[in-house]
C-alpha cells in the first residue's frame, strides 16, 4: 500500500509540475539559441495554477490513501496524545569520594523515568 501511495503522489507531482518545468526548459533553450522565450500569459497562469494545485491536493491524497495519516490527523484535530509523556525525576546525592584525596565529596545524579 505504501508503494502504491508513493507512486500516486509522485505521478500527480510530475503531471502537475510538468507544464511549468517544461516552460522553463523550453525558454532556456530558446534564449540559448538566440530566439525569444515563450511568454504567453494564459499558459503561464495555467502552469502556476497547476503548481499551486499540487500543493493543495497533497493532504487529500494522503487522506484518501493512508489510514495512518487519517488517524494521526484526527488525533491532532481533537488534541489527544497517543501516550502520556514521561515524568523525569532527578535527585542528587553528595557523599565522600573514594577516588581523589583532594576532594572530600562526590556528587551522584540519579535519573528515573516514571
N, C-alpha and C. Protein backbone atom coordinates (compact mmCIF):
# COMPACT_ATOMS: atom_id res chain seq x y z
N UNK A 1 0.82 -1.20 0.00
CA UNK A 1 0.00 0.00 0.00
C UNK A 1 0.86 1.25 0.00
N UNK A 2 2.00 1.22 0.71
CA UNK A 2 2.88 2.38 0.76
C UNK A 2 3.46 2.68 -0.62
N UNK A 3 3.81 1.62 -1.36
CA UNK A 3 4.38 1.80 -2.70
C UNK A 3 3.33 2.40 -3.63
N UNK A 4 2.09 1.94 -3.50
CA UNK A 4 1.01 2.48 -4.33
C UNK A 4 0.79 3.96 -4.02
N UNK A 5 0.78 4.33 -2.73
CA UNK A 5 0.59 5.72 -2.35
C UNK A 5 1.74 6.58 -2.87
N UNK A 6 2.96 6.09 -2.72
CA UNK A 6 4.12 6.83 -3.20
C UNK A 6 4.05 7.02 -4.71
N UNK A 7 3.65 5.98 -5.44
CA UNK A 7 3.54 6.08 -6.90
C UNK A 7 2.50 7.11 -7.30
N UNK A 8 1.37 7.14 -6.61
CA UNK A 8 0.32 8.12 -6.93
C UNK A 8 0.79 9.54 -6.64
N UNK A 9 1.41 9.75 -5.48
CA UNK A 9 1.89 11.09 -5.11
C UNK A 9 2.95 11.58 -6.10
N UNK A 10 3.87 10.70 -6.48
CA UNK A 10 4.92 11.08 -7.43
C UNK A 10 4.33 11.35 -8.82
N UNK A 11 3.37 10.53 -9.25
CA UNK A 11 2.75 10.74 -10.57
C UNK A 11 1.98 12.06 -10.61
N UNK A 12 1.22 12.36 -9.57
CA UNK A 12 0.48 13.63 -9.52
C UNK A 12 1.45 14.79 -9.49
N UNK A 13 2.52 14.67 -8.72
CA UNK A 13 3.55 15.71 -8.67
C UNK A 13 4.14 15.95 -10.06
N UNK A 14 4.50 14.88 -10.76
CA UNK A 14 5.11 15.01 -12.08
C UNK A 14 4.15 15.64 -13.09
N UNK A 15 2.91 15.20 -13.08
CA UNK A 15 1.93 15.72 -14.04
C UNK A 15 1.65 17.20 -13.79
N UNK A 16 1.52 17.59 -12.53
CA UNK A 16 1.17 18.98 -12.23
C UNK A 16 2.36 19.93 -12.34
N UNK A 17 3.57 19.45 -12.19
CA UNK A 17 4.73 20.32 -12.35
C UNK A 17 5.24 20.35 -13.79
N UNK A 18 4.83 19.41 -14.62
CA UNK A 18 5.33 19.32 -15.99
C UNK A 18 5.10 20.59 -16.82
N UNK A 19 3.93 21.22 -16.80
CA UNK A 19 3.77 22.43 -17.62
C UNK A 19 4.74 23.55 -17.24
N UNK A 20 4.94 23.77 -15.97
CA UNK A 20 5.84 24.85 -15.54
C UNK A 20 7.29 24.51 -15.85
N UNK A 21 7.71 23.30 -15.50
CA UNK A 21 9.10 22.91 -15.76
C UNK A 21 9.38 22.81 -17.26
N UNK A 22 8.40 22.34 -18.01
CA UNK A 22 8.56 22.30 -19.46
C UNK A 22 8.76 23.68 -20.05
N UNK A 23 8.00 24.65 -19.53
CA UNK A 23 8.15 26.04 -19.98
C UNK A 23 9.54 26.57 -19.66
N UNK A 24 10.04 26.27 -18.48
CA UNK A 24 11.38 26.73 -18.11
C UNK A 24 12.46 26.12 -19.00
N UNK A 25 12.35 24.84 -19.28
CA UNK A 25 13.34 24.18 -20.14
C UNK A 25 13.26 24.74 -21.56
N UNK A 26 12.04 24.88 -22.08
CA UNK A 26 11.85 25.42 -23.43
C UNK A 26 12.43 26.83 -23.54
N UNK A 27 12.12 27.69 -22.57
CA UNK A 27 12.63 29.06 -22.61
C UNK A 27 14.14 29.12 -22.45
N UNK A 28 14.70 28.20 -21.69
CA UNK A 28 16.17 28.15 -21.55
C UNK A 28 16.83 27.84 -22.88
N UNK A 29 16.27 26.87 -23.62
CA UNK A 29 16.84 26.54 -24.93
C UNK A 29 16.61 27.65 -25.95
N UNK A 30 15.46 28.32 -25.89
CA UNK A 30 15.20 29.40 -26.84
C UNK A 30 16.16 30.56 -26.63
N UNK A 31 16.43 30.93 -25.38
CA UNK A 31 17.39 32.02 -25.14
C UNK A 31 18.81 31.58 -25.47
N UNK A 32 19.11 30.30 -25.33
CA UNK A 32 20.42 29.77 -25.68
C UNK A 32 20.67 29.90 -27.18
N UNK A 33 19.62 29.66 -27.98
CA UNK A 33 19.75 29.75 -29.44
C UNK A 33 19.42 31.14 -29.97
N UNK A 34 19.22 32.12 -29.10
CA UNK A 34 19.02 33.50 -29.52
C UNK A 34 17.61 33.82 -29.95
N UNK A 35 16.64 32.99 -29.66
CA UNK A 35 15.24 33.26 -30.01
C UNK A 35 14.51 33.80 -28.79
N UNK A 36 13.36 34.39 -29.02
CA UNK A 36 12.61 34.96 -27.90
C UNK A 36 11.88 33.85 -27.14
N UNK A 37 11.82 33.96 -25.81
CA UNK A 37 11.16 32.93 -25.00
C UNK A 37 9.64 32.98 -25.16
N UNK A 38 8.99 31.87 -24.85
CA UNK A 38 7.54 31.76 -24.90
C UNK A 38 6.98 32.39 -23.63
N UNK A 39 6.20 33.46 -23.77
CA UNK A 39 5.71 34.20 -22.61
C UNK A 39 4.20 34.42 -22.67
N UNK A 40 3.45 33.43 -23.11
CA UNK A 40 2.00 33.56 -23.17
C UNK A 40 1.46 33.64 -21.74
N UNK A 41 0.73 34.70 -21.44
CA UNK A 41 0.23 34.93 -20.09
C UNK A 41 -0.72 33.82 -19.63
N UNK A 42 -1.60 33.35 -20.52
CA UNK A 42 -2.56 32.32 -20.14
C UNK A 42 -1.88 30.99 -19.83
N UNK A 43 -0.87 30.64 -20.61
CA UNK A 43 -0.14 29.40 -20.34
C UNK A 43 0.62 29.51 -19.02
N UNK A 44 1.23 30.66 -18.78
CA UNK A 44 1.97 30.85 -17.54
C UNK A 44 1.04 30.77 -16.33
N UNK A 45 -0.14 31.36 -16.43
CA UNK A 45 -1.12 31.27 -15.34
C UNK A 45 -1.58 29.82 -15.15
N UNK A 46 -1.78 29.09 -16.24
CA UNK A 46 -2.16 27.68 -16.16
C UNK A 46 -1.07 26.86 -15.46
N UNK A 47 0.18 27.09 -15.87
CA UNK A 47 1.30 26.33 -15.30
C UNK A 47 1.46 26.62 -13.81
N UNK A 48 1.35 27.86 -13.42
CA UNK A 48 1.49 28.20 -11.99
C UNK A 48 0.29 27.71 -11.19
N UNK A 49 -0.88 27.70 -11.79
CA UNK A 49 -2.06 27.16 -11.10
C UNK A 49 -1.88 25.66 -10.85
N UNK A 50 -1.30 24.96 -11.80
CA UNK A 50 -1.02 23.52 -11.60
C UNK A 50 -0.07 23.31 -10.44
N UNK A 51 0.93 24.17 -10.29
CA UNK A 51 1.89 24.07 -9.19
C UNK A 51 1.16 24.27 -7.86
N UNK A 52 0.27 25.25 -7.79
CA UNK A 52 -0.47 25.50 -6.55
C UNK A 52 -1.44 24.36 -6.26
N UNK A 53 -2.06 23.81 -7.29
CA UNK A 53 -2.96 22.67 -7.10
C UNK A 53 -2.20 21.48 -6.53
N UNK A 54 -0.97 21.29 -6.99
CA UNK A 54 -0.15 20.19 -6.45
C UNK A 54 0.01 20.31 -4.94
N UNK A 55 0.28 21.52 -4.47
CA UNK A 55 0.44 21.71 -3.03
C UNK A 55 -0.88 21.52 -2.30
N UNK A 56 -1.97 21.94 -2.90
CA UNK A 56 -3.27 21.85 -2.24
C UNK A 56 -3.83 20.44 -2.23
N UNK A 57 -3.47 19.63 -3.21
CA UNK A 57 -4.07 18.30 -3.33
C UNK A 57 -3.37 17.26 -2.46
N UNK A 58 -2.15 17.52 -2.00
CA UNK A 58 -1.41 16.53 -1.21
C UNK A 58 -2.14 16.05 0.04
N UNK A 59 -2.71 16.93 0.87
CA UNK A 59 -3.42 16.41 2.05
C UNK A 59 -4.60 15.50 1.68
N UNK A 60 -5.27 15.78 0.58
CA UNK A 60 -6.39 14.94 0.15
C UNK A 60 -5.90 13.57 -0.33
N UNK A 61 -4.77 13.57 -1.03
CA UNK A 61 -4.19 12.30 -1.48
C UNK A 61 -3.77 11.45 -0.29
N UNK A 62 -3.08 12.06 0.66
CA UNK A 62 -2.65 11.30 1.84
C UNK A 62 -3.85 10.79 2.62
N UNK A 63 -4.89 11.63 2.75
CA UNK A 63 -6.09 11.21 3.47
C UNK A 63 -6.78 10.04 2.77
N UNK A 64 -6.84 10.08 1.46
CA UNK A 64 -7.52 9.03 0.71
C UNK A 64 -6.75 7.72 0.71
N UNK A 65 -5.43 7.78 0.85
CA UNK A 65 -4.64 6.58 0.66
C UNK A 65 -3.96 6.03 1.91
N UNK A 66 -4.01 6.75 3.04
CA UNK A 66 -3.28 6.29 4.21
C UNK A 66 -4.15 6.35 5.47
N UNK A 67 -4.42 5.19 6.04
CA UNK A 67 -5.17 5.15 7.29
C UNK A 67 -4.33 5.69 8.44
N UNK A 68 -3.02 5.49 8.38
CA UNK A 68 -2.13 6.01 9.42
C UNK A 68 -2.18 7.54 9.43
N UNK A 69 -2.20 8.18 8.26
CA UNK A 69 -2.30 9.63 8.16
C UNK A 69 -3.64 10.10 8.71
N UNK A 70 -4.73 9.39 8.37
CA UNK A 70 -6.06 9.77 8.86
C UNK A 70 -6.12 9.72 10.38
N UNK A 71 -5.57 8.66 10.97
CA UNK A 71 -5.59 8.54 12.43
C UNK A 71 -4.77 9.65 13.09
N UNK A 72 -3.59 9.93 12.55
CA UNK A 72 -2.73 10.98 13.13
C UNK A 72 -3.38 12.35 12.97
N UNK A 73 -4.00 12.60 11.83
CA UNK A 73 -4.67 13.88 11.60
C UNK A 73 -5.85 14.05 12.54
N UNK A 74 -6.61 12.98 12.74
CA UNK A 74 -7.75 13.03 13.66
C UNK A 74 -7.27 13.28 15.09
N UNK A 75 -6.19 12.61 15.49
CA UNK A 75 -5.62 12.82 16.81
C UNK A 75 -5.18 14.26 17.00
N UNK A 76 -4.62 14.86 15.95
CA UNK A 76 -4.17 16.24 16.03
C UNK A 76 -5.37 17.19 16.16
N UNK A 77 -6.45 16.89 15.44
CA UNK A 77 -7.62 17.77 15.49
C UNK A 77 -8.31 17.75 16.85
N UNK A 78 -8.38 16.59 17.47
CA UNK A 78 -9.06 16.50 18.76
C UNK A 78 -8.10 16.70 19.92
N UNK A 79 -6.86 17.01 19.64
CA UNK A 79 -5.83 17.32 20.64
C UNK A 79 -5.63 16.19 21.64
N UNK A 80 -5.65 14.97 21.19
CA UNK A 80 -5.37 13.83 22.06
C UNK A 80 -3.91 13.44 21.90
N UNK A 81 -3.34 13.01 23.00
CA UNK A 81 -1.98 12.48 22.94
C UNK A 81 -2.06 10.98 22.81
N UNK A 82 -1.12 10.41 22.07
CA UNK A 82 -1.10 8.95 21.91
C UNK A 82 -0.78 8.28 23.24
N UNK A 83 0.20 8.79 23.97
CA UNK A 83 0.56 8.26 25.27
C UNK A 83 0.88 9.43 26.19
N UNK A 84 0.86 9.16 27.48
CA UNK A 84 1.22 10.18 28.45
C UNK A 84 2.72 10.42 28.40
N UNK A 85 3.16 11.69 28.38
CA UNK A 85 4.61 11.93 28.33
C UNK A 85 5.27 11.48 29.62
N UNK A 86 6.52 11.01 29.55
CA UNK A 86 7.19 10.52 30.75
C UNK A 86 7.52 11.66 31.72
N UNK A 87 7.46 11.34 33.01
CA UNK A 87 7.84 12.29 34.05
C UNK A 87 9.26 11.93 34.48
N UNK A 88 10.15 12.91 34.45
CA UNK A 88 11.55 12.66 34.78
C UNK A 88 11.84 13.25 36.16
N UNK A 89 12.37 12.42 37.04
CA UNK A 89 12.74 12.85 38.39
C UNK A 89 14.25 12.79 38.51
N UNK A 90 14.85 13.89 38.97
CA UNK A 90 16.31 13.94 39.12
C UNK A 90 16.61 14.19 40.59
N UNK A 91 17.45 13.33 41.18
CA UNK A 91 17.88 13.54 42.56
C UNK A 91 19.40 13.51 42.61
N UNK A 92 19.96 14.36 43.44
CA UNK A 92 21.41 14.45 43.56
C UNK A 92 21.80 14.07 44.98
N UNK A 93 22.81 13.20 45.11
CA UNK A 93 23.29 12.74 46.41
C UNK A 93 24.76 13.09 46.51
N UNK A 94 25.17 13.69 47.63
CA UNK A 94 26.58 14.03 47.85
C UNK A 94 27.14 13.10 48.91
N UNK A 95 28.35 12.60 48.72
CA UNK A 95 28.97 11.69 49.68
C UNK A 95 30.47 11.74 49.56
N UNK A 96 31.19 11.01 50.39
CA UNK A 96 32.66 11.02 50.34
C UNK A 96 33.18 10.37 49.07
N UNK A 97 34.25 10.92 48.55
CA UNK A 97 34.85 10.41 47.32
C UNK A 97 35.93 9.39 47.65
N UNK A 98 35.97 8.31 46.89
CA UNK A 98 36.98 7.28 47.09
C UNK A 98 38.16 7.44 46.15
N UNK A 99 37.97 8.22 45.06
CA UNK A 99 38.99 8.26 44.01
C UNK A 99 39.99 9.38 44.19
N UNK A 100 39.68 10.42 44.92
CA UNK A 100 40.60 11.54 45.00
C UNK A 100 40.78 11.96 46.45
N UNK A 101 42.02 12.18 46.84
CA UNK A 101 42.31 12.59 48.21
C UNK A 101 42.02 14.07 48.41
N UNK A 102 42.14 14.87 47.35
CA UNK A 102 41.95 16.31 47.47
C UNK A 102 40.48 16.69 47.57
N UNK A 103 39.61 15.86 47.02
CA UNK A 103 38.18 16.14 47.06
C UNK A 103 37.53 15.23 48.09
N UNK A 104 36.83 15.84 49.02
CA UNK A 104 36.26 15.03 50.09
C UNK A 104 34.82 14.61 49.79
N UNK A 105 34.22 15.15 48.77
CA UNK A 105 32.84 14.80 48.44
C UNK A 105 32.71 14.49 46.95
N UNK A 106 31.76 13.65 46.63
CA UNK A 106 31.44 13.39 45.23
C UNK A 106 29.93 13.55 45.07
N UNK A 107 29.49 13.88 43.86
CA UNK A 107 28.06 14.00 43.57
C UNK A 107 27.63 12.88 42.66
N UNK A 108 26.52 12.29 42.97
CA UNK A 108 25.94 11.24 42.15
C UNK A 108 24.56 11.72 41.73
N UNK A 109 24.28 11.66 40.45
CA UNK A 109 22.98 12.08 39.95
C UNK A 109 22.25 10.85 39.46
N UNK A 110 21.03 10.70 39.93
CA UNK A 110 20.20 9.58 39.55
C UNK A 110 19.01 10.12 38.76
N UNK A 111 18.77 9.54 37.61
CA UNK A 111 17.62 9.93 36.77
C UNK A 111 16.70 8.75 36.66
N UNK A 112 15.45 8.96 37.01
CA UNK A 112 14.47 7.90 36.88
C UNK A 112 13.28 8.39 36.08
N UNK A 113 12.77 7.55 35.21
CA UNK A 113 11.62 7.88 34.39
C UNK A 113 10.42 7.13 34.94
N UNK A 114 9.37 7.88 35.26
CA UNK A 114 8.17 7.28 35.85
C UNK A 114 7.13 7.09 34.76
